[in-house]
Amino acid sequence: MKFKFDPNQQYQLDAISSVVDLFSGAEKSNTSSGFLPQTNTKTLLTLDYFKNHLSLSEETIEANLEKIQERNNIFSQRKFSDAGRNFS
């Protein structure tokens, strides 16, 4: 499956904004350095990477989710706390 981003499609911009806004208030991670061997060479490529750590409370995520749902006219009777961090 291949995805193609088209900046002229408002629904794509809205989707990106919704995902980013869900994590509004999260602390920025410190950058750590790592190494990744390049294919068919003996050199290493230095990379910056971030830990996969979410510093937001469930209450903050739920409040962000409710704002996003309201902005997009999505009605949900289910509370975030009912499903945990399952966004499907």
N, C-alpha and C. Protein backbone atom coordinates (compact mmCIF):
# COMPACT_ATOMS: atom_id res chain seq x y z
N MET A 1 0.84 -1.16 0.00
CA MET A 1 0.00 0.00 0.00
C MET A 1 0.90 1.24 0.00
N LYS A 2 0.54 2.19 -0.80
CA LYS A 2 1.32 3.41 -0.91
C LYS A 2 0.41 4.60 -0.60
N PHE A 3 0.91 5.50 0.23
CA PHE A 3 0.17 6.71 0.56
C PHE A 3 0.79 7.89 -0.17
N LYS A 4 -0.05 8.75 -0.65
CA LYS A 4 0.46 9.96 -1.31
C LYS A 4 -0.19 11.16 -0.64
N PHE A 5 0.65 12.05 -0.13
CA PHE A 5 0.15 13.25 0.53
C PHE A 5 -0.05 14.35 -0.50
N ASP A 6 -1.23 14.95 -0.47
CA ASP A 6 -1.54 16.07 -1.35
C ASP A 6 -1.95 17.23 -0.46
N PRO A 7 -1.10 18.28 -0.35
CA PRO A 7 -1.39 19.39 0.56
C PRO A 7 -2.62 20.20 0.16
N ASN A 8 -3.21 19.90 -0.98
CA ASN A 8 -4.42 20.61 -1.42
C ASN A 8 -5.69 19.90 -0.97
N GLN A 9 -5.56 18.80 -0.28
CA GLN A 9 -6.71 18.04 0.21
C GLN A 9 -6.95 18.41 1.68
N GLN A 10 -7.98 19.17 1.94
CA GLN A 10 -8.23 19.66 3.30
C GLN A 10 -8.43 18.52 4.29
N TYR A 11 -9.06 17.41 3.86
CA TYR A 11 -9.30 16.31 4.79
C TYR A 11 -7.98 15.69 5.26
N GLN A 12 -6.94 15.72 4.41
CA GLN A 12 -5.64 15.20 4.84
C GLN A 12 -5.01 16.14 5.87
N LEU A 13 -5.12 17.43 5.64
CA LEU A 13 -4.60 18.40 6.60
C LEU A 13 -5.35 18.32 7.93
N ASP A 14 -6.68 18.12 7.87
CA ASP A 14 -7.48 17.97 9.08
C ASP A 14 -7.08 16.72 9.86
N ALA A 15 -6.82 15.63 9.14
CA ALA A 15 -6.42 14.38 9.80
C ALA A 15 -5.08 14.54 10.50
N ILE A 16 -4.13 15.17 9.84
CA ILE A 16 -2.81 15.40 10.44
C ILE A 16 -2.95 16.28 11.68
N SER A 17 -3.73 17.34 11.55
CA SER A 17 -3.94 18.25 12.67
C SER A 17 -4.57 17.52 13.86
N SER A 18 -5.51 16.64 13.60
CA SER A 18 -6.18 15.89 14.67
C SER A 18 -5.20 14.99 15.41
N VAL A 19 -4.34 14.31 14.68
CA VAL A 19 -3.37 13.42 15.32
C VAL A 19 -2.38 14.23 16.16
N VAL A 20 -1.88 15.32 15.61
CA VAL A 20 -0.93 16.15 16.34
C VAL A 20 -1.60 16.75 17.58
N ASP A 21 -2.82 17.23 17.44
CA ASP A 21 -3.53 17.86 18.57
C ASP A 21 -3.87 16.86 19.68
N LEU A 22 -4.00 15.59 19.34
CA LEU A 22 -4.27 14.58 20.36
C LEU A 22 -3.16 14.57 21.41
N PHE A 23 -1.94 14.85 20.99
CA PHE A 23 -0.80 14.80 21.90
C PHE A 23 -0.37 16.19 22.36
N SER A 24 -1.26 17.16 22.23
CA SER A 24 -0.98 18.52 22.66
C SER A 24 -0.66 18.54 24.15
N GLY A 25 0.41 19.23 24.49
CA GLY A 25 0.83 19.31 25.89
C GLY A 25 1.91 18.31 26.26
N ALA A 26 2.26 17.42 25.34
CA ALA A 26 3.31 16.44 25.63
C ALA A 26 4.66 17.15 25.70
N GLU A 27 5.49 16.69 26.60
CA GLU A 27 6.83 17.24 26.72
C GLU A 27 7.67 16.80 25.55
N LYS A 28 8.57 17.69 25.14
CA LYS A 28 9.50 17.30 24.08
C LYS A 28 10.56 16.39 24.67
N SER A 29 10.88 15.34 23.94
CA SER A 29 11.91 14.39 24.37
C SER A 29 13.29 14.95 24.11
N ASN A 30 14.24 14.54 24.92
CA ASN A 30 15.63 14.86 24.63
C ASN A 30 16.10 13.98 23.49
N THR A 31 16.90 14.53 22.62
CA THR A 31 17.44 13.76 21.51
C THR A 31 18.58 12.89 22.01
N SER A 32 18.59 11.66 21.56
CA SER A 32 19.69 10.75 21.85
C SER A 32 20.33 10.37 20.52
N SER A 33 21.59 10.06 20.55
CA SER A 33 22.26 9.66 19.31
C SER A 33 22.32 8.15 19.24
N GLY A 34 22.23 7.65 18.02
CA GLY A 34 22.34 6.22 17.80
C GLY A 34 23.11 5.96 16.53
N PHE A 35 23.35 4.72 16.26
CA PHE A 35 24.11 4.35 15.06
C PHE A 35 23.33 3.32 14.28
N LEU A 36 23.36 3.45 12.99
CA LEU A 36 22.71 2.50 12.10
C LEU A 36 23.70 2.13 11.01
N PRO A 37 24.03 0.85 10.88
CA PRO A 37 24.97 0.49 9.83
C PRO A 37 24.35 0.70 8.45
N GLN A 38 25.12 1.26 7.55
CA GLN A 38 24.65 1.44 6.18
C GLN A 38 24.85 0.13 5.42
N THR A 39 23.97 -0.14 4.49
CA THR A 39 24.04 -1.36 3.71
C THR A 39 25.29 -1.38 2.82
N ASN A 40 25.96 -2.49 2.78
CA ASN A 40 27.12 -2.73 1.91
C ASN A 40 28.29 -1.78 2.15
N THR A 41 28.42 -1.25 3.35
CA THR A 41 29.59 -0.42 3.66
C THR A 41 30.07 -0.78 5.06
N LYS A 42 31.22 -0.29 5.40
CA LYS A 42 31.76 -0.53 6.73
C LYS A 42 31.61 0.70 7.61
N THR A 43 30.90 1.71 7.11
CA THR A 43 30.72 2.94 7.89
C THR A 43 29.40 2.91 8.63
N LEU A 44 29.31 3.71 9.65
CA LEU A 44 28.08 3.83 10.42
C LEU A 44 27.48 5.20 10.18
N LEU A 45 26.19 5.26 10.13
CA LEU A 45 25.46 6.51 9.96
C LEU A 45 24.98 6.97 11.33
N THR A 46 25.31 8.18 11.72
CA THR A 46 24.85 8.71 13.00
C THR A 46 23.44 9.27 12.83
N LEU A 47 22.56 8.90 13.73
CA LEU A 47 21.17 9.33 13.67
C LEU A 47 20.76 10.00 14.97
N ASP A 48 19.74 10.80 14.89
CA ASP A 48 19.07 11.28 16.09
C ASP A 48 17.76 10.52 16.19
N TYR A 49 17.40 10.12 17.37
CA TYR A 49 16.15 9.42 17.55
C TYR A 49 15.52 9.83 18.87
N PHE A 50 14.25 9.52 19.03
CA PHE A 50 13.51 9.85 20.23
C PHE A 50 12.95 8.59 20.84
N LYS A 51 12.93 8.54 22.14
CA LYS A 51 12.31 7.41 22.83
C LYS A 51 10.81 7.46 22.60
N ASN A 52 10.19 6.31 22.60
CA ASN A 52 8.75 6.22 22.46
C ASN A 52 8.14 6.27 23.86
N HIS A 53 7.99 7.48 24.38
CA HIS A 53 7.50 7.67 25.74
C HIS A 53 6.43 8.76 25.73
N LEU A 54 5.26 8.44 26.24
CA LEU A 54 4.17 9.40 26.29
C LEU A 54 4.03 9.93 27.71
N SER A 55 4.22 11.23 27.87
CA SER A 55 4.21 11.83 29.21
C SER A 55 2.86 12.42 29.59
N LEU A 56 1.86 12.27 28.74
CA LEU A 56 0.54 12.84 29.03
C LEU A 56 -0.30 11.92 29.91
N SER A 57 -1.09 12.51 30.77
CA SER A 57 -2.01 11.72 31.59
C SER A 57 -3.20 11.30 30.73
N GLU A 58 -3.89 10.28 31.17
CA GLU A 58 -5.09 9.82 30.44
C GLU A 58 -6.14 10.94 30.40
N GLU A 59 -6.21 11.75 31.47
CA GLU A 59 -7.18 12.85 31.51
C GLU A 59 -6.87 13.90 30.44
N THR A 60 -5.59 14.21 30.25
CA THR A 60 -5.19 15.19 29.24
C THR A 60 -5.49 14.67 27.84
N ILE A 61 -5.17 13.41 27.59
CA ILE A 61 -5.46 12.82 26.28
C ILE A 61 -6.96 12.82 26.02
N GLU A 62 -7.74 12.49 27.04
CA GLU A 62 -9.19 12.48 26.88
C GLU A 62 -9.72 13.88 26.59
N ALA A 63 -9.21 14.89 27.28
CA ALA A 63 -9.63 16.27 27.03
C ALA A 63 -9.25 16.70 25.62
N ASN A 64 -8.04 16.34 25.16
CA ASN A 64 -7.63 16.65 23.79
C ASN A 64 -8.53 15.95 22.78
N LEU A 65 -8.84 14.69 23.05
CA LEU A 65 -9.70 13.91 22.15
C LEU A 65 -11.10 14.54 22.05
N GLU A 66 -11.63 14.97 23.17
CA GLU A 66 -12.96 15.60 23.16
C GLU A 66 -12.95 16.90 22.35
N LYS A 67 -11.89 17.69 22.45
CA LYS A 67 -11.77 18.92 21.65
C LYS A 67 -11.73 18.60 20.16
N ILE A 68 -10.98 17.57 19.81
CA ILE A 68 -10.86 17.17 18.40
C ILE A 68 -12.21 16.67 17.87
N GLN A 69 -12.89 15.86 18.68
CA GLN A 69 -14.20 15.35 18.26
C GLN A 69 -15.19 16.49 18.07
N GLU A 70 -15.18 17.45 18.98
CA GLU A 70 -16.08 18.59 18.87
C GLU A 70 -15.77 19.42 17.62
N ARG A 71 -14.49 19.67 17.40
CA ARG A 71 -14.07 20.46 16.23
C ARG A 71 -14.49 19.79 14.92
N ASN A 72 -14.49 18.46 14.90
CA ASN A 72 -14.82 17.72 13.69
C ASN A 72 -16.26 17.21 13.67
N ASN A 73 -17.08 17.71 14.58
CA ASN A 73 -18.49 17.30 14.67
C ASN A 73 -18.66 15.79 14.78
N ILE A 74 -17.85 15.20 15.64
CA ILE A 74 -17.93 13.76 15.89
C ILE A 74 -18.53 13.57 17.27
N PHE A 75 -19.64 12.84 17.33
CA PHE A 75 -20.29 12.58 18.61
C PHE A 75 -19.90 11.19 19.08
N SER A 76 -19.45 11.09 20.31
CA SER A 76 -19.08 9.80 20.87
C SER A 76 -19.61 9.70 22.28
N GLN A 77 -20.30 8.61 22.56
CA GLN A 77 -20.78 8.37 23.92
C GLN A 77 -19.73 7.62 24.73
N ARG A 78 -18.78 7.04 24.04
CA ARG A 78 -17.75 6.26 24.71
C ARG A 78 -16.69 7.19 25.28
N LYS A 79 -16.31 6.95 26.49
CA LYS A 79 -15.25 7.73 27.12
C LYS A 79 -13.91 7.07 26.84
N PHE A 80 -12.89 7.89 26.75
CA PHE A 80 -11.54 7.41 26.52
C PHE A 80 -11.16 6.38 27.56
N SER A 81 -11.52 6.63 28.81
CA SER A 81 -11.14 5.72 29.90
C SER A 81 -11.77 4.35 29.75
N ASP A 82 -12.87 4.24 28.97
CA ASP A 82 -13.51 2.94 28.76
C ASP A 82 -12.64 2.02 27.89
N ALA A 83 -11.88 2.61 26.97
CA ALA A 83 -11.10 1.80 26.02
C ALA A 83 -9.60 1.89 26.26
N GLY A 84 -9.17 2.69 27.22
CA GLY A 84 -7.74 2.88 27.42
C GLY A 84 -7.14 3.63 26.26
N ARG A 85 -5.98 3.29 25.85
CA ARG A 85 -5.30 4.00 24.76
C ARG A 85 -5.55 3.33 23.41
N ASN A 86 -6.72 2.75 23.24
CA ASN A 86 -7.11 2.14 21.96
C ASN A 86 -7.92 3.16 21.19
N PHE A 87 -7.36 3.72 20.13
CA PHE A 87 -8.01 4.78 19.37
C PHE A 87 -8.76 4.27 18.15
N SER A 88 -8.89 2.96 18.02
CA SER A 88 -9.58 2.43 16.83
C SER A 88 -11.08 2.47 17.00
